[in-house]
Amino acid sequence: MTEPRAATGQHVRGEDWYGDDLGAARFVECTFTDVDLSETTSAGATFERCTFHGGRFNASTHTATAFVGCDFRRTSFFDATLDGCKLVGSVFSECTLRPLTVVGGSWLGVTIRGTNLSRLDLAEVDLREADLSMSDLTLTSLARARLDRAVLRQAKLDRTDLRGASLD
């Protein structure tokens, strides 16, 4: 059995991790620039205060993985799966987030402004204190999601499913 990957304060640039199994890797304060993480898998991995610029998570699957306080810029999550993931305090800017499969998870305090989130299924996701300002949530399912203190200023909510969502 191999040890999981671990790094602190490293800058990974232009690497190809396509299809790698990251397992329960742990990265703290690392920067990933133009790294291809397409079709990678992780289970119980942790990324704390990491920066992702210009990379790809396309068709990757992450289960019970934590992206805490991360900064995602111009990063693609096309056809990725986030199953029970924790994205607390992370910021997404100019990212491709659809299509995306999301199964539960805690996205407490995430910032996803001005992003096309239409037709996503975010049912039962904890989005308390999230900033979804100016995002397109048309036909998105937020059923039973926790949206307490979330910011939805100028968000497009046409036919958004909010049944059972908490909106305090």
N, C-alpha and C. Protein backbone atom coordinates (compact mmCIF):
# COMPACT_ATOMS: atom_id res chain seq x y z
N MET A 1 0.83 -1.18 0.00
CA MET A 1 0.00 0.00 0.00
C MET A 1 0.88 1.24 0.00
N THR A 2 0.62 2.17 -0.91
CA THR A 2 1.44 3.36 -1.00
C THR A 2 0.88 4.46 -0.11
N GLU A 3 1.77 5.30 0.34
CA GLU A 3 1.38 6.45 1.16
C GLU A 3 0.61 7.45 0.29
N PRO A 4 -0.42 8.10 0.85
CA PRO A 4 -1.12 9.13 0.07
C PRO A 4 -0.19 10.32 -0.19
N ARG A 5 -0.45 11.01 -1.30
CA ARG A 5 0.32 12.22 -1.60
C ARG A 5 0.09 13.25 -0.51
N ALA A 6 1.12 14.02 -0.21
CA ALA A 6 0.99 15.10 0.77
C ALA A 6 2.00 16.18 0.41
N ALA A 7 1.57 17.43 0.54
CA ALA A 7 2.47 18.55 0.27
C ALA A 7 1.98 19.78 1.00
N THR A 8 2.90 20.63 1.36
CA THR A 8 2.58 21.91 1.98
C THR A 8 3.39 22.99 1.28
N GLY A 9 2.69 24.05 0.84
CA GLY A 9 3.37 25.21 0.26
C GLY A 9 4.03 24.99 -1.08
N GLN A 10 3.71 23.95 -1.80
CA GLN A 10 4.34 23.69 -3.09
C GLN A 10 3.58 24.36 -4.23
N HIS A 11 4.29 24.62 -5.33
CA HIS A 11 3.67 25.14 -6.54
C HIS A 11 3.81 24.07 -7.63
N VAL A 12 2.68 23.54 -8.05
CA VAL A 12 2.65 22.52 -9.09
C VAL A 12 2.21 23.22 -10.37
N ARG A 13 3.01 23.15 -11.42
CA ARG A 13 2.72 23.90 -12.65
C ARG A 13 2.74 22.97 -13.86
N GLY A 14 1.62 23.00 -14.63
CA GLY A 14 1.56 22.32 -15.91
C GLY A 14 1.68 20.81 -15.88
N GLU A 15 1.44 20.18 -14.74
CA GLU A 15 1.59 18.72 -14.66
C GLU A 15 0.33 18.02 -15.16
N ASP A 16 0.53 16.78 -15.58
CA ASP A 16 -0.56 15.95 -16.09
C ASP A 16 -0.83 14.84 -15.08
N TRP A 17 -1.90 15.00 -14.31
CA TRP A 17 -2.31 13.99 -13.33
C TRP A 17 -3.53 13.24 -13.84
N TYR A 18 -3.76 13.30 -15.14
CA TYR A 18 -4.93 12.69 -15.77
C TYR A 18 -5.13 11.26 -15.28
N GLY A 19 -6.33 10.99 -14.75
CA GLY A 19 -6.70 9.64 -14.35
C GLY A 19 -6.05 9.13 -13.07
N ASP A 20 -5.27 9.96 -12.39
CA ASP A 20 -4.62 9.52 -11.15
C ASP A 20 -5.63 9.28 -10.04
N ASP A 21 -5.35 8.34 -9.17
CA ASP A 21 -6.14 8.12 -7.96
C ASP A 21 -5.42 8.86 -6.84
N LEU A 22 -5.99 9.98 -6.40
CA LEU A 22 -5.38 10.79 -5.34
C LEU A 22 -5.66 10.22 -3.96
N GLY A 23 -6.60 9.26 -3.88
CA GLY A 23 -6.93 8.64 -2.59
C GLY A 23 -7.23 9.69 -1.54
N ALA A 24 -6.54 9.60 -0.41
CA ALA A 24 -6.73 10.52 0.71
C ALA A 24 -5.58 11.53 0.79
N ALA A 25 -5.17 12.05 -0.37
CA ALA A 25 -4.07 13.02 -0.43
C ALA A 25 -4.37 14.22 0.47
N ARG A 26 -3.32 14.91 0.88
CA ARG A 26 -3.47 16.11 1.72
C ARG A 26 -2.54 17.19 1.19
N PHE A 27 -3.15 18.30 0.77
CA PHE A 27 -2.40 19.45 0.26
C PHE A 27 -2.78 20.68 1.07
N VAL A 28 -1.79 21.40 1.55
CA VAL A 28 -2.03 22.60 2.35
C VAL A 28 -1.25 23.76 1.72
N GLU A 29 -1.98 24.85 1.44
CA GLU A 29 -1.40 26.08 0.90
C GLU A 29 -0.55 25.82 -0.35
N CYS A 30 -1.03 24.95 -1.21
CA CYS A 30 -0.35 24.65 -2.47
C CYS A 30 -1.03 25.42 -3.61
N THR A 31 -0.27 25.70 -4.66
CA THR A 31 -0.80 26.35 -5.85
C THR A 31 -0.69 25.38 -7.01
N PHE A 32 -1.81 25.20 -7.71
CA PHE A 32 -1.87 24.32 -8.87
C PHE A 32 -2.18 25.20 -10.08
N THR A 33 -1.22 25.38 -10.97
CA THR A 33 -1.40 26.21 -12.15
C THR A 33 -1.40 25.33 -13.40
N ASP A 34 -2.51 25.39 -14.15
CA ASP A 34 -2.65 24.62 -15.39
C ASP A 34 -2.37 23.14 -15.20
N VAL A 35 -2.86 22.57 -14.10
CA VAL A 35 -2.68 21.14 -13.82
C VAL A 35 -3.91 20.39 -14.35
N ASP A 36 -3.67 19.31 -15.09
CA ASP A 36 -4.77 18.50 -15.62
C ASP A 36 -5.12 17.41 -14.61
N LEU A 37 -6.26 17.59 -13.95
CA LEU A 37 -6.77 16.63 -12.99
C LEU A 37 -7.98 15.89 -13.57
N SER A 38 -8.10 15.89 -14.89
CA SER A 38 -9.22 15.22 -15.55
C SER A 38 -9.22 13.73 -15.21
N GLU A 39 -10.42 13.24 -14.95
CA GLU A 39 -10.65 11.83 -14.63
C GLU A 39 -9.89 11.33 -13.40
N THR A 40 -9.42 12.24 -12.55
CA THR A 40 -8.82 11.82 -11.28
C THR A 40 -9.93 11.39 -10.33
N THR A 41 -9.57 10.62 -9.32
CA THR A 41 -10.49 10.25 -8.27
C THR A 41 -9.84 10.59 -6.93
N SER A 42 -10.68 10.88 -5.96
CA SER A 42 -10.19 11.08 -4.60
C SER A 42 -11.27 10.60 -3.64
N ALA A 43 -10.84 10.14 -2.48
CA ALA A 43 -11.78 9.71 -1.44
C ALA A 43 -11.17 10.12 -0.10
N GLY A 44 -11.78 11.11 0.53
CA GLY A 44 -11.27 11.58 1.81
C GLY A 44 -10.04 12.46 1.68
N ALA A 45 -9.79 13.00 0.50
CA ALA A 45 -8.64 13.90 0.32
C ALA A 45 -8.95 15.27 0.93
N THR A 46 -7.89 16.03 1.21
CA THR A 46 -8.04 17.36 1.78
C THR A 46 -7.16 18.36 1.02
N PHE A 47 -7.77 19.45 0.60
CA PHE A 47 -7.07 20.57 0.00
C PHE A 47 -7.40 21.78 0.87
N GLU A 48 -6.43 22.29 1.63
CA GLU A 48 -6.68 23.42 2.51
C GLU A 48 -5.95 24.65 2.01
N ARG A 49 -6.72 25.74 1.81
CA ARG A 49 -6.17 27.02 1.39
C ARG A 49 -5.29 26.87 0.14
N CYS A 50 -5.73 26.04 -0.80
CA CYS A 50 -5.00 25.84 -2.05
C CYS A 50 -5.57 26.75 -3.14
N THR A 51 -4.75 27.03 -4.14
CA THR A 51 -5.13 27.85 -5.27
C THR A 51 -5.05 27.02 -6.54
N PHE A 52 -6.12 27.06 -7.33
CA PHE A 52 -6.19 26.34 -8.60
C PHE A 52 -6.42 27.37 -9.69
N HIS A 53 -5.48 27.54 -10.61
CA HIS A 53 -5.62 28.50 -11.70
C HIS A 53 -5.48 27.78 -13.03
N GLY A 54 -6.53 27.87 -13.85
CA GLY A 54 -6.47 27.36 -15.21
C GLY A 54 -6.44 25.85 -15.35
N GLY A 55 -6.73 25.12 -14.30
CA GLY A 55 -6.66 23.66 -14.37
C GLY A 55 -7.97 23.02 -14.80
N ARG A 56 -7.95 21.70 -14.85
CA ARG A 56 -9.13 20.94 -15.27
C ARG A 56 -9.39 19.79 -14.29
N PHE A 57 -10.65 19.72 -13.84
CA PHE A 57 -11.15 18.60 -13.05
C PHE A 57 -12.17 17.82 -13.87
N ASN A 58 -12.12 17.93 -15.19
CA ASN A 58 -13.13 17.35 -16.07
C ASN A 58 -13.29 15.85 -15.84
N ALA A 59 -14.54 15.42 -15.72
CA ALA A 59 -14.89 14.00 -15.56
C ALA A 59 -14.21 13.34 -14.36
N SER A 60 -13.80 14.14 -13.38
CA SER A 60 -13.19 13.58 -12.17
C SER A 60 -14.28 13.26 -11.14
N THR A 61 -13.94 12.39 -10.18
CA THR A 61 -14.90 12.00 -9.14
C THR A 61 -14.25 12.16 -7.78
N HIS A 62 -14.89 12.96 -6.92
CA HIS A 62 -14.35 13.22 -5.59
C HIS A 62 -15.41 12.86 -4.55
N THR A 63 -15.04 11.97 -3.65
CA THR A 63 -15.96 11.49 -2.63
C THR A 63 -15.43 11.89 -1.26
N ALA A 64 -16.28 12.56 -0.48
CA ALA A 64 -15.92 12.99 0.88
C ALA A 64 -14.58 13.72 0.90
N THR A 65 -14.35 14.51 -0.13
CA THR A 65 -13.11 15.28 -0.24
C THR A 65 -13.39 16.71 0.21
N ALA A 66 -12.42 17.33 0.87
CA ALA A 66 -12.57 18.69 1.38
C ALA A 66 -11.71 19.66 0.58
N PHE A 67 -12.35 20.70 0.08
CA PHE A 67 -11.67 21.83 -0.55
C PHE A 67 -11.99 23.03 0.33
N VAL A 68 -11.19 23.27 1.35
CA VAL A 68 -11.51 24.27 2.37
C VAL A 68 -10.69 25.54 2.13
N GLY A 69 -11.40 26.66 1.95
CA GLY A 69 -10.73 27.93 1.76
C GLY A 69 -9.90 27.98 0.50
N CYS A 70 -10.34 27.27 -0.55
CA CYS A 70 -9.58 27.22 -1.81
C CYS A 70 -10.03 28.31 -2.76
N ASP A 71 -9.16 28.67 -3.68
CA ASP A 71 -9.43 29.68 -4.68
C ASP A 71 -9.32 29.02 -6.05
N PHE A 72 -10.46 28.96 -6.77
CA PHE A 72 -10.52 28.36 -8.10
C PHE A 72 -10.72 29.49 -9.11
N ARG A 73 -9.79 29.65 -10.05
CA ARG A 73 -9.92 30.67 -11.09
C ARG A 73 -9.72 30.02 -12.45
N ARG A 74 -10.68 30.29 -13.35
CA ARG A 74 -10.62 29.74 -14.71
C ARG A 74 -10.35 28.23 -14.68
N THR A 75 -11.03 27.54 -13.77
CA THR A 75 -10.88 26.09 -13.61
C THR A 75 -12.13 25.41 -14.13
N SER A 76 -11.97 24.30 -14.84
CA SER A 76 -13.10 23.59 -15.43
C SER A 76 -13.44 22.34 -14.61
N PHE A 77 -14.73 22.24 -14.28
CA PHE A 77 -15.27 21.07 -13.60
C PHE A 77 -16.26 20.35 -14.51
N PHE A 78 -16.07 20.43 -15.82
CA PHE A 78 -16.99 19.85 -16.78
C PHE A 78 -17.19 18.36 -16.51
N ASP A 79 -18.42 17.97 -16.24
CA ASP A 79 -18.82 16.58 -16.01
C ASP A 79 -18.17 15.94 -14.78
N ALA A 80 -17.72 16.76 -13.83
CA ALA A 80 -17.13 16.24 -12.59
C ALA A 80 -18.24 15.81 -11.63
N THR A 81 -17.87 14.98 -10.65
CA THR A 81 -18.79 14.53 -9.61
C THR A 81 -18.21 14.89 -8.24
N LEU A 82 -19.02 15.58 -7.43
CA LEU A 82 -18.65 15.92 -6.06
C LEU A 82 -19.66 15.25 -5.14
N ASP A 83 -19.26 14.17 -4.52
CA ASP A 83 -20.16 13.36 -3.71
C ASP A 83 -19.81 13.53 -2.23
N GLY A 84 -20.67 14.26 -1.51
CA GLY A 84 -20.45 14.48 -0.08
C GLY A 84 -19.21 15.31 0.21
N CYS A 85 -18.89 16.23 -0.68
CA CYS A 85 -17.67 17.03 -0.53
C CYS A 85 -17.92 18.29 0.29
N LYS A 86 -16.85 18.76 0.88
CA LYS A 86 -16.87 19.96 1.71
C LYS A 86 -16.10 21.05 0.96
N LEU A 87 -16.80 22.14 0.60
CA LEU A 87 -16.17 23.23 -0.13
C LEU A 87 -16.20 24.52 0.69
N VAL A 88 -16.17 24.42 1.97
CA VAL A 88 -16.36 25.53 2.89
C VAL A 88 -15.38 26.67 2.60
N GLY A 89 -15.95 27.88 2.41
CA GLY A 89 -15.15 29.08 2.24
C GLY A 89 -14.38 29.17 0.93
N SER A 90 -14.67 28.32 -0.03
CA SER A 90 -13.95 28.37 -1.30
C SER A 90 -14.57 29.40 -2.24
N VAL A 91 -13.74 29.92 -3.16
CA VAL A 91 -14.17 30.95 -4.09
C VAL A 91 -13.96 30.43 -5.51
N PHE A 92 -15.01 30.57 -6.34
CA PHE A 92 -14.97 30.16 -7.74
C PHE A 92 -15.10 31.40 -8.60
N SER A 93 -14.15 31.64 -9.49
CA SER A 93 -14.18 32.81 -10.36
C SER A 93 -13.87 32.38 -11.78
N GLU A 94 -14.77 32.71 -12.71
CA GLU A 94 -14.61 32.37 -14.13
C GLU A 94 -14.43 30.86 -14.34
N CYS A 95 -15.15 30.05 -13.58
CA CYS A 95 -15.04 28.59 -13.66
C CYS A 95 -16.18 27.99 -14.47
N THR A 96 -15.93 26.84 -15.07
CA THR A 96 -16.98 26.07 -15.73
C THR A 96 -17.47 25.04 -14.72
N LEU A 97 -18.74 25.18 -14.32
CA LEU A 97 -19.30 24.31 -13.29
C LEU A 97 -20.50 23.50 -13.80
N ARG A 98 -20.59 23.31 -15.10
CA ARG A 98 -21.66 22.49 -15.63
C ARG A 98 -21.24 21.86 -16.92
N PRO A 99 -21.73 20.66 -17.20
CA PRO A 99 -22.53 19.88 -16.25
C PRO A 99 -21.68 19.43 -15.08
N LEU A 100 -22.33 19.28 -13.94
CA LEU A 100 -21.67 18.89 -12.70
C LEU A 100 -22.65 18.04 -11.91
N THR A 101 -22.17 16.94 -11.35
CA THR A 101 -23.01 16.10 -10.49
C THR A 101 -22.62 16.38 -9.05
N VAL A 102 -23.61 16.76 -8.25
CA VAL A 102 -23.37 17.07 -6.84
C VAL A 102 -24.31 16.22 -6.00
N VAL A 103 -23.74 15.49 -5.05
CA VAL A 103 -24.55 14.69 -4.13
C VAL A 103 -24.27 15.20 -2.73
N GLY A 104 -25.21 15.99 -2.19
CA GLY A 104 -25.06 16.51 -0.83
C GLY A 104 -23.78 17.32 -0.67
N GLY A 105 -23.35 17.41 0.57
CA GLY A 105 -22.11 18.12 0.85
C GLY A 105 -22.33 19.46 1.52
N SER A 106 -21.25 20.03 2.00
CA SER A 106 -21.28 21.31 2.69
C SER A 106 -20.51 22.34 1.87
N TRP A 107 -21.25 23.32 1.38
CA TRP A 107 -20.66 24.41 0.60
C TRP A 107 -20.84 25.72 1.38
N LEU A 108 -20.71 25.63 2.67
CA LEU A 108 -20.92 26.76 3.57
C LEU A 108 -19.98 27.90 3.21
N GLY A 109 -20.54 29.08 2.95
CA GLY A 109 -19.74 30.28 2.70
C GLY A 109 -19.00 30.30 1.38
N VAL A 110 -19.39 29.47 0.40
CA VAL A 110 -18.71 29.53 -0.91
C VAL A 110 -19.11 30.81 -1.63
N THR A 111 -18.24 31.26 -2.52
CA THR A 111 -18.54 32.40 -3.37
C THR A 111 -18.51 31.92 -4.81
N ILE A 112 -19.69 31.99 -5.45
CA ILE A 112 -19.83 31.60 -6.86
C ILE A 112 -20.66 32.68 -7.53
N ARG A 113 -20.04 33.80 -7.83
CA ARG A 113 -20.75 34.95 -8.41
C ARG A 113 -20.76 34.91 -9.93
N GLY A 114 -21.91 35.29 -10.50
CA GLY A 114 -22.01 35.47 -11.94
C GLY A 114 -21.71 34.23 -12.76
N THR A 115 -22.07 33.07 -12.25
CA THR A 115 -21.74 31.81 -12.90
C THR A 115 -23.00 31.11 -13.40
N ASN A 116 -22.89 30.41 -14.51
CA ASN A 116 -24.01 29.64 -15.03
C ASN A 116 -24.13 28.34 -14.24
N LEU A 117 -25.12 28.26 -13.39
CA LEU A 117 -25.41 27.07 -12.59
C LEU A 117 -26.76 26.47 -13.01
N SER A 118 -27.24 26.87 -14.17
CA SER A 118 -28.56 26.43 -14.61
C SER A 118 -28.60 24.91 -14.78
N ARG A 119 -29.76 24.37 -14.42
CA ARG A 119 -30.06 22.94 -14.57
C ARG A 119 -29.22 22.02 -13.69
N LEU A 120 -28.48 22.56 -12.72
CA LEU A 120 -27.73 21.69 -11.80
C LEU A 120 -28.67 21.16 -10.73
N ASP A 121 -28.36 20.01 -10.19
CA ASP A 121 -29.10 19.45 -9.07
C ASP A 121 -28.26 19.69 -7.82
N LEU A 122 -28.64 20.71 -7.06
CA LEU A 122 -27.95 21.05 -5.81
C LEU A 122 -28.86 20.75 -4.62
N ALA A 123 -29.76 19.80 -4.81
CA ALA A 123 -30.69 19.41 -3.75
C ALA A 123 -29.90 18.94 -2.53
N GLU A 124 -30.35 19.37 -1.38
CA GLU A 124 -29.82 18.97 -0.07
C GLU A 124 -28.38 19.43 0.19
N VAL A 125 -27.85 20.34 -0.63
CA VAL A 125 -26.52 20.87 -0.39
C VAL A 125 -26.62 21.98 0.66
N ASP A 126 -25.67 22.03 1.57
CA ASP A 126 -25.62 23.07 2.59
C ASP A 126 -24.93 24.29 1.98
N LEU A 127 -25.73 25.29 1.60
CA LEU A 127 -25.23 26.51 0.98
C LEU A 127 -25.41 27.71 1.90
N ARG A 128 -25.42 27.47 3.20
CA ARG A 128 -25.57 28.59 4.13
C ARG A 128 -24.45 29.60 3.92
N GLU A 129 -24.83 30.87 3.93
CA GLU A 129 -23.90 32.00 3.79
C GLU A 129 -23.15 32.00 2.46
N ALA A 130 -23.62 31.23 1.48
CA ALA A 130 -23.00 31.23 0.14
C ALA A 130 -23.36 32.52 -0.58
N ASP A 131 -22.48 32.97 -1.45
CA ASP A 131 -22.74 34.13 -2.29
C ASP A 131 -22.92 33.65 -3.72
N LEU A 132 -24.18 33.63 -4.15
CA LEU A 132 -24.53 33.19 -5.50
C LEU A 132 -25.01 34.38 -6.33
N SER A 133 -24.59 35.57 -5.96
CA SER A 133 -25.01 36.79 -6.64
C SER A 133 -24.78 36.71 -8.14
N MET A 134 -25.76 37.21 -8.89
CA MET A 134 -25.69 37.33 -10.35
C MET A 134 -25.52 35.99 -11.07
N SER A 135 -25.67 34.87 -10.38
CA SER A 135 -25.55 33.56 -11.02
C SER A 135 -26.88 33.16 -11.66
N ASP A 136 -26.80 32.35 -12.69
CA ASP A 136 -27.99 31.85 -13.36
C ASP A 136 -28.36 30.51 -12.75
N LEU A 137 -29.47 30.49 -12.01
CA LEU A 137 -29.97 29.28 -11.35
C LEU A 137 -31.25 28.78 -12.02
N THR A 138 -31.44 29.13 -13.28
CA THR A 138 -32.63 28.71 -14.02
C THR A 138 -32.73 27.18 -14.04
N LEU A 139 -33.89 26.69 -13.65
CA LEU A 139 -34.18 25.25 -13.63
C LEU A 139 -33.24 24.44 -12.74
N THR A 140 -32.58 25.10 -11.82
CA THR A 140 -31.70 24.42 -10.87
C THR A 140 -32.54 23.88 -9.72
N SER A 141 -32.19 22.70 -9.23
CA SER A 141 -32.87 22.16 -8.06
C SER A 141 -32.10 22.53 -6.81
N LEU A 142 -32.76 23.29 -5.96
CA LEU A 142 -32.22 23.62 -4.63
C LEU A 142 -33.17 23.04 -3.57
N ALA A 143 -33.89 22.00 -3.95
CA ALA A 143 -34.85 21.37 -3.04
C ALA A 143 -34.13 20.89 -1.78
N ARG A 144 -34.69 21.23 -0.65
CA ARG A 144 -34.17 20.83 0.67
C ARG A 144 -32.74 21.34 0.93
N ALA A 145 -32.27 22.28 0.12
CA ALA A 145 -30.95 22.87 0.35
C ALA A 145 -31.04 23.85 1.52
N ARG A 146 -29.93 24.06 2.17
CA ARG A 146 -29.86 25.04 3.27
C ARG A 146 -29.30 26.33 2.69
N LEU A 147 -30.15 27.33 2.57
CA LEU A 147 -29.78 28.61 1.98
C LEU A 147 -29.84 29.76 2.99
N ASP A 148 -29.80 29.43 4.28
CA ASP A 148 -29.87 30.46 5.31
C ASP A 148 -28.73 31.46 5.12
N ARG A 149 -29.08 32.74 5.13
CA ARG A 149 -28.13 33.85 5.00
C ARG A 149 -27.34 33.81 3.69
N ALA A 150 -27.81 33.06 2.69
CA ALA A 150 -27.16 33.05 1.37
C ALA A 150 -27.49 34.36 0.65
N VAL A 151 -26.58 34.83 -0.19
CA VAL A 151 -26.78 36.04 -0.96
C VAL A 151 -27.18 35.63 -2.37
N LEU A 152 -28.39 36.05 -2.76
CA LEU A 152 -28.91 35.71 -4.09
C LEU A 152 -29.21 36.99 -4.89
N ARG A 153 -28.51 38.07 -4.57
CA ARG A 153 -28.73 39.36 -5.21
C ARG A 153 -28.54 39.24 -6.73
N GLN A 154 -29.56 39.64 -7.48
CA GLN A 154 -29.58 39.63 -8.94
C GLN A 154 -29.37 38.24 -9.55
N ALA A 155 -29.60 37.19 -8.76
CA ALA A 155 -29.51 35.82 -9.30
C ALA A 155 -30.76 35.56 -10.13
N LYS A 156 -30.61 34.82 -11.18
CA LYS A 156 -31.74 34.45 -12.03
C LYS A 156 -32.32 33.15 -11.47
N LEU A 157 -33.57 33.22 -10.99
CA LEU A 157 -34.20 32.09 -10.31
C LEU A 157 -35.41 31.56 -11.07
N ASP A 158 -35.44 31.72 -12.38
CA ASP A 158 -36.57 31.25 -13.19
C ASP A 158 -36.72 29.73 -13.06
N ARG A 159 -37.90 29.31 -12.59
CA ARG A 159 -38.25 27.90 -12.44
C ARG A 159 -37.26 27.11 -11.57
N THR A 160 -36.61 27.79 -10.65
CA THR A 160 -35.72 27.13 -9.69
C THR A 160 -36.57 26.37 -8.68
N ASP A 161 -36.20 25.14 -8.37
CA ASP A 161 -36.93 24.33 -7.41
C ASP A 161 -36.40 24.62 -6.01
N LEU A 162 -37.21 25.31 -5.21
CA LEU A 162 -36.83 25.67 -3.84
C LEU A 162 -37.67 24.93 -2.81
N ARG A 163 -38.38 23.86 -3.23
CA ARG A 163 -39.24 23.13 -2.30
C ARG A 163 -38.44 22.57 -1.12
N GLY A 164 -38.90 22.91 0.07
CA GLY A 164 -38.28 22.40 1.28
C GLY A 164 -36.94 23.03 1.63
N ALA A 165 -36.51 24.02 0.86
CA ALA A 165 -35.22 24.69 1.16
C ALA A 165 -35.41 25.61 2.36
N SER A 166 -34.38 25.72 3.18
CA SER A 166 -34.44 26.68 4.29
C SER A 166 -33.88 28.00 3.80
N LEU A 167 -34.63 29.07 4.06
CA LEU A 167 -34.30 30.39 3.50
C LEU A 167 -34.22 31.45 4.60
N ASP A 168 -33.88 31.10 5.80
CA ASP A 168 -33.83 32.08 6.89
C ASP A 168 -32.74 33.10 6.66
